[in-house]
């Protein structure tokens, strides 16, 4: 039983490390995208936002899942209220 618990703890630690790496990757990408967007003219930014909005609308027209809404909210935050 102790071996099973130890093995589960090792697996849990590995999953936690993977999760931390994914969070770091996402945050790095957010910083990069924000920096690129800030270099664009406002018209270009709006055009990109409109294109993303259209793509999201088409992709999630069939489903209104919680995941799609979460993604939509995050995209809105990145495009309209980027990190400083």
N, C-alpha and C. Protein backbone atom coordinates (compact mmCIF):
# COMPACT_ATOMS: atom_id res chain seq x y z
N UNK A 1 0.82 -1.19 0.00
CA UNK A 1 0.00 0.00 0.00
C UNK A 1 0.87 1.26 0.00
N UNK A 2 1.95 1.22 0.80
CA UNK A 2 2.86 2.37 0.84
C UNK A 2 3.50 2.62 -0.53
N UNK A 3 3.83 1.53 -1.23
CA UNK A 3 4.42 1.68 -2.56
C UNK A 3 3.44 2.32 -3.54
N UNK A 4 2.20 1.93 -3.44
CA UNK A 4 1.17 2.50 -4.31
C UNK A 4 1.01 3.99 -4.05
N UNK A 5 0.96 4.37 -2.80
CA UNK A 5 0.84 5.79 -2.44
C UNK A 5 2.06 6.56 -2.91
N UNK A 6 3.23 6.00 -2.71
CA UNK A 6 4.46 6.66 -3.15
C UNK A 6 4.47 6.83 -4.67
N UNK A 7 4.03 5.79 -5.38
CA UNK A 7 3.98 5.86 -6.85
C UNK A 7 2.99 6.93 -7.31
N UNK A 8 1.84 7.01 -6.65
CA UNK A 8 0.85 8.02 -6.99
C UNK A 8 1.38 9.43 -6.72
N UNK A 9 2.11 9.60 -5.63
CA UNK A 9 2.69 10.91 -5.31
C UNK A 9 3.73 11.32 -6.35
N UNK A 10 4.51 10.37 -6.82
CA UNK A 10 5.50 10.66 -7.86
C UNK A 10 4.80 11.08 -9.15
N UNK A 11 3.75 10.36 -9.52
CA UNK A 11 2.99 10.71 -10.72
C UNK A 11 2.34 12.08 -10.58
N UNK A 12 1.81 12.37 -9.41
CA UNK A 12 1.19 13.67 -9.16
C UNK A 12 2.21 14.79 -9.26
N UNK A 13 3.40 14.59 -8.74
CA UNK A 13 4.46 15.59 -8.83
C UNK A 13 4.87 15.83 -10.29
N UNK A 14 4.92 14.76 -11.07
CA UNK A 14 5.28 14.91 -12.49
C UNK A 14 4.20 15.69 -13.23
N UNK A 15 2.94 15.42 -12.94
CA UNK A 15 1.84 16.15 -13.57
C UNK A 15 1.87 17.62 -13.18
N UNK A 16 2.19 17.89 -11.92
CA UNK A 16 2.26 19.28 -11.46
C UNK A 16 3.39 20.02 -12.17
N UNK A 17 4.50 19.37 -12.39
CA UNK A 17 5.62 19.98 -13.11
C UNK A 17 5.23 20.27 -14.56
N UNK A 18 4.55 19.33 -15.20
CA UNK A 18 4.07 19.55 -16.57
C UNK A 18 3.12 20.74 -16.62
N UNK A 19 2.26 20.83 -15.64
CA UNK A 19 1.30 21.92 -15.58
C UNK A 19 2.01 23.26 -15.44
N UNK A 20 3.02 23.32 -14.61
CA UNK A 20 3.79 24.56 -14.44
C UNK A 20 4.46 24.97 -15.75
N UNK A 21 4.99 23.98 -16.46
CA UNK A 21 5.64 24.27 -17.74
C UNK A 21 4.63 24.82 -18.75
N UNK A 22 3.44 24.24 -18.79
CA UNK A 22 2.41 24.72 -19.71
C UNK A 22 1.98 26.14 -19.36
N UNK A 23 1.84 26.43 -18.09
CA UNK A 23 1.47 27.78 -17.67
C UNK A 23 2.55 28.77 -18.09
N UNK A 24 3.81 28.43 -17.92
CA UNK A 24 4.90 29.31 -18.33
C UNK A 24 4.88 29.53 -19.84
N UNK A 25 4.62 28.48 -20.61
CA UNK A 25 4.55 28.62 -22.06
C UNK A 25 3.41 29.54 -22.48
N UNK A 26 2.26 29.37 -21.87
CA UNK A 26 1.11 30.21 -22.21
C UNK A 26 1.39 31.66 -21.85
N UNK A 27 1.96 31.90 -20.69
CA UNK A 27 2.27 33.27 -20.29
C UNK A 27 3.30 33.90 -21.22
N UNK A 28 4.30 33.13 -21.64
CA UNK A 28 5.29 33.64 -22.58
C UNK A 28 4.64 34.00 -23.91
N UNK A 29 3.76 33.14 -24.40
CA UNK A 29 3.06 33.43 -25.65
C UNK A 29 2.17 34.65 -25.52
N UNK A 30 1.53 34.81 -24.38
CA UNK A 30 0.68 35.98 -24.15
C UNK A 30 1.51 37.26 -24.22
N UNK A 31 2.68 37.25 -23.61
CA UNK A 31 3.56 38.42 -23.63
C UNK A 31 4.01 38.73 -25.06
N UNK A 32 4.37 37.69 -25.81
CA UNK A 32 4.83 37.88 -27.19
C UNK A 32 3.71 38.44 -28.06
N UNK A 33 2.52 37.84 -27.97
CA UNK A 33 1.39 38.29 -28.79
C UNK A 33 1.03 39.74 -28.43
N UNK A 34 1.03 40.05 -27.15
CA UNK A 34 0.71 41.41 -26.72
C UNK A 34 1.71 42.40 -27.29
N UNK A 35 2.99 42.06 -27.23
CA UNK A 35 4.02 42.95 -27.77
C UNK A 35 3.84 43.16 -29.28
N UNK A 36 3.51 42.09 -29.99
CA UNK A 36 3.29 42.20 -31.44
C UNK A 36 2.06 43.07 -31.71
N UNK A 37 0.98 42.84 -31.00
CA UNK A 37 -0.24 43.62 -31.22
C UNK A 37 -0.03 45.11 -30.96
N UNK A 38 0.77 45.42 -29.98
CA UNK A 38 1.01 46.83 -29.66
C UNK A 38 1.81 47.55 -30.74
N UNK A 39 2.52 46.81 -31.56
CA UNK A 39 3.30 47.41 -32.65
C UNK A 39 2.43 47.69 -33.87
N UNK A 40 1.23 47.12 -33.91
CA UNK A 40 0.34 47.30 -35.06
C UNK A 40 -0.48 48.58 -34.93
N UNK A 41 -0.92 49.04 -36.07
CA UNK A 41 -1.84 50.17 -36.09
C UNK A 41 -3.19 49.73 -35.52
N UNK A 42 -3.96 50.65 -34.95
CA UNK A 42 -5.27 50.27 -34.38
C UNK A 42 -6.19 49.57 -35.39
N UNK A 43 -6.13 49.99 -36.65
CA UNK A 43 -6.97 49.35 -37.67
C UNK A 43 -6.57 47.89 -37.87
N UNK A 44 -5.27 47.63 -37.85
CA UNK A 44 -4.79 46.26 -37.99
C UNK A 44 -5.20 45.42 -36.78
N UNK A 45 -5.11 46.00 -35.60
CA UNK A 45 -5.52 45.30 -34.39
C UNK A 45 -7.01 44.93 -34.46
N UNK A 46 -7.83 45.88 -34.91
CA UNK A 46 -9.27 45.62 -35.02
C UNK A 46 -9.56 44.55 -36.06
N UNK A 47 -8.81 44.58 -37.16
CA UNK A 47 -8.99 43.59 -38.21
C UNK A 47 -8.65 42.19 -37.70
N UNK A 48 -7.57 42.08 -36.97
CA UNK A 48 -7.18 40.79 -36.39
C UNK A 48 -8.24 40.32 -35.40
N UNK A 49 -8.70 41.22 -34.55
CA UNK A 49 -9.72 40.87 -33.55
C UNK A 49 -11.00 40.41 -34.24
N UNK A 50 -11.38 41.09 -35.32
CA UNK A 50 -12.58 40.71 -36.05
C UNK A 50 -12.41 39.34 -36.70
N UNK A 51 -11.23 39.07 -37.26
CA UNK A 51 -10.96 37.78 -37.87
C UNK A 51 -11.01 36.65 -36.86
N UNK A 52 -10.45 36.89 -35.69
CA UNK A 52 -10.48 35.89 -34.62
C UNK A 52 -11.91 35.67 -34.15
N UNK A 53 -12.66 36.75 -34.02
CA UNK A 53 -14.05 36.64 -33.59
C UNK A 53 -14.87 35.82 -34.59
N UNK A 54 -14.66 36.08 -35.88
CA UNK A 54 -15.36 35.31 -36.92
C UNK A 54 -14.98 33.83 -36.85
N UNK A 55 -13.69 33.56 -36.69
CA UNK A 55 -13.23 32.17 -36.61
C UNK A 55 -13.82 31.46 -35.40
N UNK A 56 -13.86 32.15 -34.27
CA UNK A 56 -14.45 31.55 -33.07
C UNK A 56 -15.94 31.31 -33.25
N UNK A 57 -16.61 32.25 -33.89
CA UNK A 57 -18.05 32.10 -34.12
C UNK A 57 -18.32 30.89 -35.00
N UNK A 58 -17.54 30.74 -36.06
CA UNK A 58 -17.71 29.61 -36.97
C UNK A 58 -17.35 28.28 -36.31
N UNK A 59 -16.30 28.30 -35.51
CA UNK A 59 -15.84 27.06 -34.88
C UNK A 59 -16.79 26.58 -33.79
N UNK A 60 -17.42 27.52 -33.10
CA UNK A 60 -18.27 27.12 -31.98
C UNK A 60 -19.75 27.33 -32.26
N UNK A 61 -20.10 27.43 -33.54
CA UNK A 61 -21.51 27.62 -33.88
C UNK A 61 -22.35 26.42 -33.48
N UNK A 62 -21.74 25.25 -33.54
CA UNK A 62 -22.47 24.03 -33.20
C UNK A 62 -22.57 23.80 -31.70
N UNK A 63 -21.56 24.25 -30.98
CA UNK A 63 -21.55 24.00 -29.54
C UNK A 63 -21.37 25.28 -28.77
N UNK A 64 -22.01 25.37 -27.66
CA UNK A 64 -21.85 26.50 -26.75
C UNK A 64 -21.29 25.98 -25.44
N UNK A 65 -20.21 25.24 -25.53
CA UNK A 65 -19.65 24.61 -24.35
C UNK A 65 -18.99 25.63 -23.44
N UNK A 66 -18.78 25.19 -22.22
CA UNK A 66 -18.12 26.03 -21.23
C UNK A 66 -16.68 26.32 -21.66
N UNK A 67 -16.02 25.35 -22.30
CA UNK A 67 -14.65 25.55 -22.76
C UNK A 67 -14.58 26.61 -23.85
N UNK A 68 -15.53 26.59 -24.77
CA UNK A 68 -15.56 27.58 -25.84
C UNK A 68 -15.77 28.97 -25.26
N UNK A 69 -16.63 29.09 -24.27
CA UNK A 69 -16.88 30.38 -23.64
C UNK A 69 -15.64 30.87 -22.90
N UNK A 70 -14.96 29.96 -22.23
CA UNK A 70 -13.72 30.32 -21.52
C UNK A 70 -12.67 30.82 -22.50
N UNK A 71 -12.54 30.12 -23.62
CA UNK A 71 -11.59 30.54 -24.65
C UNK A 71 -11.97 31.91 -25.21
N UNK A 72 -13.25 32.09 -25.48
CA UNK A 72 -13.73 33.38 -26.00
C UNK A 72 -13.42 34.52 -25.02
N UNK A 73 -13.65 34.28 -23.75
CA UNK A 73 -13.38 35.31 -22.72
C UNK A 73 -11.89 35.63 -22.65
N UNK A 74 -11.07 34.60 -22.75
CA UNK A 74 -9.63 34.83 -22.69
C UNK A 74 -9.13 35.58 -23.92
N UNK A 75 -9.65 35.22 -25.09
CA UNK A 75 -9.27 35.95 -26.31
C UNK A 75 -9.69 37.41 -26.22
N UNK A 76 -10.87 37.67 -25.71
CA UNK A 76 -11.33 39.04 -25.54
C UNK A 76 -10.41 39.81 -24.61
N UNK A 77 -10.01 39.15 -23.54
CA UNK A 77 -9.11 39.79 -22.58
C UNK A 77 -7.77 40.12 -23.25
N UNK A 78 -7.23 39.18 -24.02
CA UNK A 78 -5.94 39.42 -24.67
C UNK A 78 -6.01 40.50 -25.74
N UNK A 79 -7.10 40.50 -26.51
CA UNK A 79 -7.19 41.43 -27.62
C UNK A 79 -7.62 42.83 -27.18
N UNK A 80 -8.50 42.89 -26.20
CA UNK A 80 -9.05 44.20 -25.81
C UNK A 80 -8.47 44.77 -24.52
N UNK A 81 -7.89 43.91 -23.70
CA UNK A 81 -7.32 44.37 -22.43
C UNK A 81 -6.00 43.65 -22.19
N UNK A 82 -5.00 43.87 -23.07
CA UNK A 82 -3.76 43.12 -22.94
C UNK A 82 -2.97 43.52 -21.70
N UNK A 83 -2.04 42.65 -21.35
CA UNK A 83 -1.16 42.93 -20.22
C UNK A 83 -0.40 44.23 -20.46
N UNK A 84 -0.07 44.88 -19.40
CA UNK A 84 0.69 46.14 -19.50
C UNK A 84 2.15 45.86 -19.61
